Structures are given as C-alpha cells and as structure tokens.
Protein backbone atom coordinates (compact mmCIF):
# COMPACT_ATOMS: atom_id res chain seq x y z
CA MET A 1 0.00 0.00 0.00
CA LYS A 2 1.07 3.65 -0.23
CA TYR A 3 2.05 5.32 3.01
CA GLU A 4 1.89 8.72 4.61
CA THR A 5 5.08 10.74 4.39
CA ALA A 6 4.93 13.64 6.80
CA THR A 7 8.20 15.11 5.58
CA LEU A 8 6.94 15.25 2.02
CA LEU A 9 3.75 16.93 3.18
CA ILE A 10 5.62 19.67 5.00
CA ALA A 11 7.81 20.27 1.97
CA VAL A 12 4.95 20.72 -0.44
CA LEU A 13 2.51 22.68 1.71
CA GLY A 14 4.27 25.93 0.88
CA PHE A 15 3.81 25.36 -2.83
CA VAL A 16 0.19 24.32 -2.32
CA SER A 17 -0.68 27.56 -0.53
CA ALA A 18 1.27 29.72 -2.97
CA ALA A 19 -0.51 28.68 -6.15
CA PRO A 20 -4.17 27.79 -6.80
CA VAL A 21 -4.94 24.20 -7.70
CA ALA A 22 -8.07 22.96 -9.48
CA GLU A 23 -10.69 21.43 -7.25
CA PRO A 24 -10.88 17.62 -7.38
CA LYS A 25 -13.50 16.09 -9.65
CA ASN A 26 -14.90 13.63 -7.14
CA THR A 27 -15.28 15.81 -4.10
CA PHE A 28 -17.76 13.47 -2.43
CA ILE A 29 -15.06 10.87 -1.85
CA LEU A 30 -12.94 13.16 0.29
CA PRO A 31 -15.25 16.10 0.91
CA SER A 32 -13.29 18.08 3.46
CA ILE A 33 -9.70 17.62 2.24
CA PRO A 34 -8.37 18.95 -1.06
CA LYS A 35 -7.13 16.07 -3.22
CA ARG A 36 -3.84 17.88 -3.77
CA MET A 37 -3.02 17.55 -0.07
CA LEU A 38 -3.88 13.88 -0.02
CA ARG A 39 -1.66 13.17 -3.01
CA GLY A 40 1.20 14.95 -1.29
CA ARG A 41 0.75 12.80 1.80
CA GLU A 42 1.31 9.56 -0.10
CA LEU A 43 -1.99 7.94 0.78
CA PRO A 44 -2.71 4.26 0.51
CA GLN A 45 -4.21 3.21 -2.81
CA GLU A 46 -7.69 4.18 -1.70
CA HIS A 47 -9.12 3.37 -5.12
CA SER A 48 -7.48 -0.02 -5.53
CA HIS A 49 -10.56 -1.86 -4.21
CA ASN A 50 -13.18 0.60 -5.49
CA ARG A 51 -15.97 -1.95 -5.74
CA PHE A 52 -16.02 -2.48 -1.99
CA LEU A 53 -15.74 1.20 -1.09
CA ASP A 54 -18.63 1.94 -3.43
CA GLY A 55 -20.76 -0.74 -1.80
CA VAL A 56 -19.94 0.39 1.73
CA ARG A 57 -20.61 4.01 0.79
CA VAL A 58 -24.15 3.18 -0.34
CA ASN A 59 -25.00 1.21 2.80
CA LEU A 60 -23.27 3.57 5.23
CA ASN A 61 -25.40 6.46 4.03
CA ILE A 62 -28.66 4.62 4.66
CA ASN A 63 -28.18 5.50 8.33
CA ASN A 64 -25.00 7.29 9.38
CA PRO A 65 -25.50 8.42 13.00
CA ASN A 66 -21.78 9.02 13.55
CA LYS A 67 -21.61 11.31 10.50
CA ILE A 68 -18.63 9.48 8.98
CA GLN A 69 -17.82 11.48 5.86
CA ASP A 70 -16.74 8.64 3.58
CA PRO A 71 -15.40 5.06 3.80
CA VAL A 72 -12.05 6.17 2.41
CA PHE A 73 -11.17 7.89 5.69
CA GLY A 74 -11.12 4.55 7.47
CA LEU A 75 -8.20 3.46 5.30
CA LEU A 76 -6.07 6.54 5.97
CA GLY A 77 -3.56 7.36 8.67
CA ASN A 78 -4.86 8.90 11.87
CA ALA A 79 -4.01 12.52 11.05
CA VAL A 80 -6.23 12.50 7.97
CA ALA A 81 -8.74 9.96 9.29
CA LYS A 82 -9.73 12.31 12.13
CA THR A 83 -10.94 14.94 9.69
CA GLY A 84 -13.56 12.58 8.26
CA ALA A 85 -14.37 10.54 11.36
CA GLY A 86 -17.48 12.43 12.40
CA THR A 87 -18.16 11.58 16.03
CA ILE A 88 -15.83 8.55 16.11
CA ALA A 89 -13.24 9.56 18.71
CA ASN A 90 -10.66 6.81 18.13
CA PRO A 91 -9.18 7.05 14.61
CA ASP A 92 -7.73 3.56 14.96
CA CYS A 93 -11.32 2.31 15.10
CA LEU A 94 -12.78 4.41 12.27
CA HIS A 95 -12.15 1.58 9.79
CA GLN A 96 -14.04 -0.90 11.94
CA ALA A 97 -16.81 1.57 12.82
CA THR A 98 -17.42 2.33 9.15
CA ALA A 99 -17.68 -1.35 8.26
CA ASP A 100 -19.83 -2.01 11.32
CA GLN A 101 -22.43 0.65 10.49
CA ALA A 102 -22.57 -0.34 6.82
CA PHE A 103 -23.06 -3.97 7.86
CA THR A 104 -25.82 -3.01 10.30
CA ASN A 105 -27.68 -1.10 7.60
CA ALA A 106 -27.30 -3.85 5.01
CA LYS A 107 -28.39 -6.48 7.52
CA ALA A 108 -31.53 -4.49 8.34
CA ALA A 109 -32.33 -4.41 4.63
CA ASN A 110 -31.56 -8.14 4.23
CA ASN A 111 -28.93 -7.19 1.67
CA VAL A 112 -26.35 -9.97 1.44
CA THR A 113 -24.24 -8.06 -1.08
CA GLY A 114 -24.12 -5.05 1.23
CA MET A 115 -23.10 -7.17 4.21
CA ALA A 116 -20.41 -8.85 2.11
CA ASP A 117 -19.08 -5.46 0.96
CA ALA A 118 -18.81 -4.34 4.59
CA LEU A 119 -16.91 -7.48 5.55
CA MET A 120 -14.57 -7.14 2.57
CA TYR A 121 -13.94 -3.48 3.41
CA ALA A 122 -13.15 -4.40 7.02
CA ALA A 123 -10.39 -6.70 5.75
CA LEU A 124 -8.66 -4.13 3.52
CA GLU A 125 -5.17 -2.98 4.44
CA ARG A 126 -4.97 0.37 6.21
CA ASN A 127 -2.35 3.09 5.76
CA THR A 128 0.78 3.11 7.93
CA ALA A 129 3.84 5.34 8.23
CA SER A 130 6.22 3.38 6.01
CA VAL A 131 6.86 0.09 4.24
CA GLY A 132 6.95 -2.78 6.71
CA VAL A 133 4.91 -1.15 9.48
CA ALA A 134 1.74 -2.92 10.63
CA SER A 135 -1.41 -0.91 11.29
CA VAL A 136 -2.98 -0.71 14.75
CA ILE A 137 -5.84 -3.10 15.47
CA CYS A 138 -8.94 -1.44 16.90
CA ASN A 139 -9.31 -2.12 20.63
CA GLU A 140 -13.09 -1.58 20.71
CA THR A 141 -15.81 -4.17 20.22
CA ALA A 142 -17.90 -3.98 17.07
CA VAL A 143 -21.68 -4.12 17.28
CA ASN A 144 -21.80 -6.98 14.78
CA PRO A 145 -19.84 -10.14 15.70
CA GLU A 146 -19.24 -10.77 11.99
CA ILE A 147 -17.29 -7.50 11.74
CA GLN A 148 -15.56 -8.14 15.05
CA ALA A 149 -14.25 -11.43 13.66
CA VAL A 150 -12.51 -9.73 10.72
CA GLN A 151 -9.29 -7.73 11.01
CA GLN A 152 -7.54 -5.70 8.35
CA HIS A 153 -4.75 -6.98 6.13
CA GLN A 154 -1.25 -5.87 7.07
CA ASP A 155 1.65 -4.63 4.99
CA PRO A 156 3.10 -7.74 3.33
CA VAL A 157 6.58 -6.83 4.59
CA SER A 158 5.48 -6.36 8.21
CA PRO A 159 6.34 -9.06 10.79
CA ASN A 160 4.47 -12.36 10.27
CA ALA A 161 2.48 -10.74 7.45
CA ALA A 162 2.02 -13.93 5.43
CA ALA A 163 0.51 -15.83 8.34
CA THR A 164 -1.49 -12.82 9.51
CA ASN A 165 -3.00 -12.09 6.12
CA LYS A 166 -3.80 -15.73 5.51
CA ALA A 167 -5.65 -15.83 8.83
CA VAL A 168 -7.53 -12.66 7.85
CA VAL A 169 -8.72 -14.23 4.59
CA LEU A 170 -9.78 -17.51 6.21
CA SER A 171 -11.69 -15.69 8.96
CA LEU A 172 -13.30 -13.45 6.36
CA ALA A 173 -14.32 -16.50 4.33
CA LYS A 174 -16.10 -17.96 7.35
CA GLN A 175 -18.05 -14.76 7.90
CA LEU A 176 -18.98 -14.55 4.22
CA THR A 177 -20.27 -18.09 4.44
CA SER A 178 -22.27 -17.23 7.55
CA ILE A 179 -24.24 -14.55 5.70
CA GLY A 180 -24.81 -16.67 2.60
CA ALA A 181 -22.13 -15.06 0.41
CA ASP A 182 -19.38 -16.78 -1.60
CA PRO A 183 -16.42 -17.53 0.73
CA GLN A 184 -13.96 -17.62 -2.17
CA GLU A 185 -14.47 -13.88 -2.60
CA ALA A 186 -12.42 -13.40 0.57
CA LEU A 187 -9.37 -13.58 -1.70
CA LEU A 188 -10.44 -10.27 -3.27
CA SER A 189 -9.60 -8.46 -0.04
CA GLY A 190 -5.91 -9.20 -0.57
CA THR A 191 -3.18 -6.61 -0.94
CA PHE A 192 -0.17 -6.11 -3.23
CA ALA A 193 3.17 -7.88 -3.54
CA PRO A 194 5.69 -6.94 -0.83
CA GLY A 195 7.49 -3.65 -1.25
CA THR A 196 11.02 -2.81 -0.16
CA ILE A 197 11.75 -1.61 3.35
CA GLY A 198 13.44 1.76 3.10
CA ASP A 199 11.75 2.63 -0.20
CA PRO A 200 12.10 6.44 -0.30
CA THR A 201 8.76 6.78 -2.11
CA ALA A 202 6.95 4.71 0.54
CA ALA A 203 4.72 3.54 -2.29
CA GLY A 204 5.47 -0.17 -2.52
CA ASN A 205 4.00 -2.14 -5.42
CA THR A 206 0.71 -0.29 -5.56
CA CYS A 207 -1.75 1.37 -7.90
CA ASP A 208 -4.39 4.06 -7.48
CA ASP A 209 -6.89 4.86 -10.24
CA GLU A 210 -10.09 6.58 -9.19
CA THR A 211 -11.67 6.03 -12.62
CA ASP A 212 -11.28 2.26 -12.36
CA SER A 213 -14.68 1.14 -11.07
CA PRO A 214 -13.80 -2.40 -9.92
CA GLY A 215 -10.41 -1.27 -8.61
CA CYS A 216 -7.01 -1.19 -10.25
CA ILE A 217 -5.69 -4.02 -8.09
CA PHE A 218 -8.10 -6.26 -10.00
CA THR A 219 -7.92 -4.83 -13.50
CA GLN A 220 -4.11 -4.65 -13.40
CA ASN A 221 -3.87 -8.12 -11.84
CA LEU A 222 -1.77 -6.88 -8.92
CA ILE A 223 -3.54 -8.69 -6.11
CA VAL A 224 -1.72 -11.42 -4.18
CA ASN A 225 -3.78 -14.37 -2.95
CA ASP A 226 -3.15 -15.09 0.72
CA ALA A 227 -4.66 -18.59 0.64
CA THR A 228 -5.70 -21.23 -1.85
CA ALA A 229 -9.24 -22.09 -2.85
CA ASP A 230 -8.84 -25.48 -1.19
CA GLU A 231 -7.72 -23.88 2.07
CA ILE A 232 -10.80 -21.67 2.06
CA THR A 233 -13.06 -24.62 1.34
CA ALA A 234 -11.53 -26.50 4.26
CA ALA A 235 -11.80 -23.49 6.56
CA VAL A 236 -15.52 -23.00 5.95
CA ALA A 237 -16.42 -26.68 6.17
CA GLY A 238 -19.21 -26.99 8.69
CA VAL A 239 -20.00 -23.27 8.65
CA SER A 240 -23.59 -22.60 7.62
CA ALA A 241 -25.50 -19.43 6.89
CA ASN A 242 -26.96 -18.03 10.10
CA SER A 243 -29.98 -15.87 10.80
CA THR A 244 -28.41 -12.82 9.16
CA SER A 245 -28.53 -14.54 5.79
CA ILE A 246 -31.41 -14.15 3.40
CA ALA A 247 -30.71 -17.68 2.20
CA THR A 248 -31.77 -19.22 5.53
CA THR A 249 -34.04 -16.63 7.09
CA ALA A 250 -37.51 -18.11 7.56
CA SER A 251 -39.03 -14.95 9.01
CA ILE A 252 -38.23 -11.28 8.85
CA SER A 253 -38.30 -9.29 12.08
CA SER A 254 -40.09 -5.98 12.10
CA SER A 255 -36.95 -4.15 13.18
CA ASN A 256 -34.99 -5.43 10.22
CA SER A 257 -37.68 -4.94 7.63
CA THR A 258 -38.50 -1.35 8.57
CA SER A 259 -35.20 0.29 9.47
CA ASN A 260 -34.48 1.19 5.84
CA SER A 261 -37.99 1.86 4.59
CA THR A 262 -40.05 5.01 4.49
CA GLY A 263 -43.64 4.67 5.62
CA SER A 264 -43.83 0.99 4.73
CA GLU A 265 -45.49 -1.79 6.66
CA CYS A 266 -43.83 -4.95 8.00
CA ALA A 267 -44.56 -8.40 6.72
CA ALA A 268 -45.49 -10.93 9.38
CA ALA A 269 -43.25 -13.93 10.04
CA VAL A 270 -43.57 -16.33 7.13
CA THR A 271 -43.34 -20.08 7.45
CA SER A 272 -45.09 -21.20 4.28
CA THR A 273 -45.11 -20.53 0.57
CA ILE A 274 -46.02 -16.96 -0.38
CA THR A 275 -47.20 -16.38 -3.91
CA ALA A 276 -47.08 -13.18 -5.91
CA VAL A 277 -50.83 -12.75 -5.43
CA ALA A 278 -50.55 -12.93 -1.65
CA ALA A 279 -47.65 -10.48 -1.67
CA VAL A 280 -49.53 -7.95 -3.77
CA ALA A 281 -52.47 -8.22 -1.39
CA THR A 282 -50.43 -6.56 1.36
CA GLY A 283 -50.66 -3.29 -0.56
CA SER A 284 -47.05 -2.41 0.26
CA ILE A 285 -44.03 -2.76 -1.97
CA ALA A 286 -41.78 -3.01 1.09
CA SER A 287 -43.94 -5.83 2.45
CA LEU A 288 -43.72 -7.51 -0.95
CA ALA A 289 -39.93 -7.42 -0.80
CA SER A 290 -39.91 -8.93 2.71
CA ALA A 291 -42.41 -11.57 1.68
CA SER A 292 -40.29 -12.51 -1.31
CA VAL A 293 -37.24 -12.91 0.94
CA ALA A 294 -39.06 -15.20 3.32
CA SER A 295 -40.53 -17.13 0.41
CA VAL A 296 -37.08 -17.95 -0.87
CA ALA A 297 -36.15 -19.45 2.47
CA ALA A 298 -39.30 -21.54 2.69
CA THR A 299 -39.72 -22.60 -0.93
CA SER A 300 -37.82 -21.94 -4.16
CA ILE A 301 -36.88 -19.28 -6.66
CA ALA A 302 -40.19 -19.78 -8.46
CA SER A 303 -42.02 -17.60 -5.97
CA VAL A 304 -39.19 -15.06 -6.01
CA ALA A 305 -39.42 -14.69 -9.76
CA SER A 306 -43.18 -14.31 -9.66
CA SER A 307 -42.97 -11.88 -6.74
CA ALA A 308 -40.34 -9.86 -8.57
CA SER A 309 -42.64 -9.65 -11.57
CA ALA A 310 -45.49 -8.62 -9.32
CA ALA A 311 -43.29 -5.99 -7.70
CA ALA A 312 -42.48 -4.53 -11.08
CA ALA A 313 -46.15 -4.42 -12.00
CA LEU A 314 -47.16 -2.96 -8.66
CA SER A 315 -44.43 -0.32 -8.76
CA THR A 316 -45.38 0.70 -12.28
CA GLY A 317 -49.07 0.75 -11.46
CA THR A 318 -48.69 2.96 -8.38
CA SER A 319 -46.22 5.41 -9.90
CA ALA A 320 -48.26 7.03 -12.64
CA THR A 321 -46.11 10.15 -12.52
CA GLY A 322 -42.80 8.29 -12.28
CA THR A 323 -40.44 6.75 -14.80
CA ASN A 324 -38.49 3.51 -14.45
CA VAL A 325 -34.82 4.39 -15.06
CA GLN A 326 -33.58 0.81 -14.59
CA THR A 327 -32.65 -0.35 -18.10
CA PHE A 328 -30.89 -3.64 -17.34
CA THR A 329 -32.58 -6.62 -18.98
CA GLY A 330 -30.89 -9.60 -17.29
CA THR A 331 -33.35 -12.05 -15.74
CA LEU A 332 -31.37 -14.55 -13.62
CA GLY A 333 -33.40 -14.76 -10.41
CA GLY A 334 -36.01 -12.47 -11.95
CA ALA A 335 -35.80 -8.98 -13.43
CA PRO A 336 -34.30 -6.20 -11.29
CA PRO A 337 -37.01 -4.20 -9.50
CA PRO A 338 -37.91 -0.87 -11.13
CA VAL A 339 -36.09 2.30 -10.10
CA VAL A 340 -38.89 4.84 -10.21
CA SER A 341 -37.89 8.46 -10.78
CA SER A 342 -40.32 11.18 -9.74
CA ALA A 343 -40.37 14.63 -8.15
CA GLY A 344 -39.39 15.46 -4.57
CA ASP A 345 -36.37 15.63 -2.26
CA ARG A 346 -35.86 11.87 -2.53
CA PRO A 347 -36.91 11.33 -6.13
CA PHE A 348 -35.84 7.72 -6.67
CA SER A 349 -37.46 4.64 -5.15
CA VAL A 350 -36.90 0.89 -5.22
CA ASN A 351 -39.46 -1.44 -3.65
CA GLY A 352 -40.78 1.41 -1.51
CA ASP A 353 -37.39 2.67 -0.28
CA SER A 354 -36.54 6.23 -1.34
CA PHE A 355 -33.14 7.59 -2.42
CA VAL A 356 -31.67 10.99 -3.18
CA GLY A 357 -29.16 9.65 -5.72
CA GLU A 358 -29.98 7.72 -8.87
CA GLY A 359 -26.75 5.72 -8.62
CA ALA A 360 -27.59 4.45 -5.13
CA ALA A 361 -31.10 3.47 -6.21
CA LEU A 362 -29.82 1.63 -9.26
CA GLN A 363 -27.28 -0.26 -7.18
CA ARG A 364 -30.02 -1.30 -4.77
CA SER A 365 -32.08 -2.59 -7.69
CA CYS A 366 -29.14 -4.62 -9.01
CA SER A 367 -28.42 -5.90 -5.49
CA VAL A 368 -32.00 -7.09 -4.97
CA GLN A 369 -31.80 -9.02 -8.22
CA HIS A 370 -28.42 -10.47 -7.19
CA ASN A 371 -29.81 -11.72 -3.89
CA ALA A 372 -32.69 -13.50 -5.59
CA CYS A 373 -30.28 -15.06 -8.08
CA ALA A 374 -27.86 -16.17 -5.35
CA ASN A 375 -30.67 -17.69 -3.31
CA ALA A 376 -31.80 -19.65 -6.35
CA ALA A 377 -28.27 -20.87 -7.05
CA ASN A 378 -27.67 -21.84 -3.41
CA SER A 379 -30.96 -23.71 -3.23
CA GLY A 380 -30.25 -25.62 -6.43
CA SER A 381 -33.20 -24.10 -8.25
CA LEU A 382 -30.84 -22.33 -10.63
CA ALA A 383 -28.01 -24.28 -12.25
CA GLY A 384 -24.61 -22.72 -12.79
CA GLY A 385 -23.60 -21.56 -9.32
CA VAL A 386 -23.40 -18.16 -7.63
CA GLU A 387 -20.65 -16.81 -9.89
CA GLN A 388 -23.15 -16.13 -12.67
CA CYS A 389 -25.10 -13.97 -10.21
CA GLU A 390 -21.97 -11.96 -9.44
CA THR A 391 -21.36 -11.54 -13.17
CA GLN A 392 -24.94 -10.43 -13.72
CA GLU A 393 -24.76 -7.88 -10.89
CA THR A 394 -21.56 -6.42 -12.35
CA ALA A 395 -23.25 -6.17 -15.73
CA CYS A 396 -26.33 -4.60 -14.15
CA ASN A 397 -24.25 -1.93 -12.41
CA ALA A 398 -22.26 -1.29 -15.57
CA ALA A 399 -25.37 -0.98 -17.71
CA SER A 400 -26.81 1.52 -15.27
CA GLY A 401 -23.57 3.50 -14.94
CA VAL A 402 -23.80 3.08 -11.17
CA ALA A 403 -20.19 3.89 -10.30
CA LYS A 404 -20.10 7.09 -12.33
CA LYS A 405 -23.44 8.25 -10.97
CA MET A 406 -22.37 7.63 -7.39
CA ARG A 407 -19.10 9.47 -7.90
CA ARG A 408 -20.97 12.55 -9.11
CA GLN A 409 -22.99 12.99 -5.96
CA VAL A 410 -22.96 12.70 -2.19
CA MET A 411 -25.63 10.15 -1.41
CA MET A 412 -28.14 10.59 1.39
CA PHE A 413 -30.78 7.88 1.79
C-alpha cells in the first residue's frame, strides 16, 4: 500500500498555498480535504478496491449516526482519518466503525451483497507510516460479531504478514459463508506484492486509479492471494448461513424490515409458501420485498421470480407520474425491480425505499436481483452456481452507470 510521508507533506505545503490548484473532480469521496493535499501525503491506494468502497458508501449512508464522511477515511492514517471521522473519537477504530455501520444497515435491509461489501472493506489494508509497518488493530468491540471477527490486512513486509493475512482471509471466508455469500471472494480483499523496506517513495508495489470502477488491483492483476481455494473450502467446512442470511431466514423481524424503509409496513413472520398474489395483497411494496425474501427461504426461486414480476407491475401501477430508469434486462433470479424516478427531495425509489441519488437506487435494484439469483443458485433451483449472479450484478451496475453516478454525488438515503 502507499504510506503517509509527513516530511513530504511539509515540503509541499508551501507550494500548495502559494498557487491555486483545481478542485478535485470527485469531491464526495474526500469532501473536506483537497485532493492535492492527499496526493502529497502519499496515501494508501484508496481506489485499488473501489468496488467495496462503493458498496460500503451506499450502505453507510442509509443511516449514518456518527456522520462518517466517507469510507475512504477509514483506510487513511490517523491525522487525515480524524478529519472525516465524524463523532468517532478513536481514529484507529474508524475503519471498523465504518464497516460495522454499513453492515448493520445492510443487515436491516436483508442485503447480502451489502453485508459482504462491509466485511470485505473491514479486511482491507490500512495506511501506515512506512513500508513494513503494521497498522494498529482497533481495541473496541464492534456491534456486529461478523465485523468483530474480521481484522484488516497488514503490509506484506510487516512481521508475520504472510501468516497474519492468511488468517484474515480464512476468517473473512467464514463470515462470508455465515451470511450466505461466496467464501472464495475473501481472496479479493488481498493486498499487493511486498514492497522494499526503506523505499524512499513509501509507495510499494501499488496502484491508485479513481476512474477504475472495480479497482485497479483487479484490472491490473496486482492482487496477491493469501490462501488457496482449497484452504478456504476446508476453513468453511461446517459453517452454515446463520440468521443474518437471506438464504436461511424463515421470518423477517419488524426491526430489520423497517429500518431502511419510508412509511412501509412490515410483513409478518412467514413459514409457508407466499405467492405473488398474496404479496400484492399486502398493498405495500416493502412488504412484498420482505415476503419474497421469506418465500425464498421456505420454498424456491419460483415464488421469487413471480414476486419480482409482481413488484415490477405494482411499482409501475402505483407510480403514474414516475419513470423507471432501470434499463438492465438480465433475468437470472427475476428482473431487477424498477427504479422509479419522480419529483421530490428523494426522487428515486426501489421497492418502496426512497433515495436521493440515482446511482444508489440503481445499485439497490441490481443488489435485490443479485440476492434473488444467489438464493436460487444456493438452493439448487438455478443451475450454474453463484458466480453467474456476481457476473450479472456487475453487468447490471455497468449498464446503469452506477459507479459514475455515485461518484458525481454525495448520497443521502
């Protein structure tokens, strides 16, 4: 990873103040710190794993009581992290707190992809002073035990880094399994090849491209796997999805089903098959979404597909003044729910949940489709495995221009 260089910062501050510099294009990512200062400080490659920062950003802003400015601050050194920490007093715990809140919000929405993004983000390497220095582990307890179980990667040249990072990946894989996600994706949290201790640039073997939506560590093939696929398979043997997973949830609690909805009703606990007709009868799109989730657990993807179709019809029928801006046509697990655009302060809605930003709403739509697809694959109702669901979600986000839309705006749910 890149590292902070205080000496370099001091040297360039005079030049920064003496001459005007153009404002950064993506001000929402680092809203209170000019990008020129961050570049001078030799930050970590905060854009190397963009896909996970984007996912955490969406879920963090659903409910952000600590006013954390952006997930990127959790990856920075303490001096910079403090400026975006909101009410988080301990900068060494900002990384964990960000992941924890994003996980809480995603869990309340029964969003497996969002929970997985939070876990992956929690495992990313954090900035340190120089090559070979390990980052401080947070000494506070996370709200979610899944987040508590995951620590961040360490500089690959730091003491015992190989063993430490392998343990991080295997622990992460177990938590991914517990929420119904693909444990092999734990490998995507990995860092770069070891740098050289004493490197005067403090950069190591890194990359940093803010225009690379997945993350340059993936597109440039720079990531180092900390474990093998077989080791992950062995590590998660016997681990099953728990009650936080959509795949095994037989009933949806009222607290979870309402914390991210606006004026929607809760679906009662479901222990039997729920058809699209029954779901529509509730008169609430949010209830329909909850009913579909429970139906997957109790039956098969057939009811999910029909419920998704009913949701699309219901949303269209009750939004006479709105327009569906979701253009993706993939149908694995059912079509993505409509993203209805209308007037108002929160002009976009998906299954009854309202959004300020179009990008966030589109990502939610793609995520809902992904969850239905993954549930079908995990239950055996859909042949081909979960990977095709991941591919479809990537295509859905790309077709909707989600990353670009989210980078143009600060999202408030």
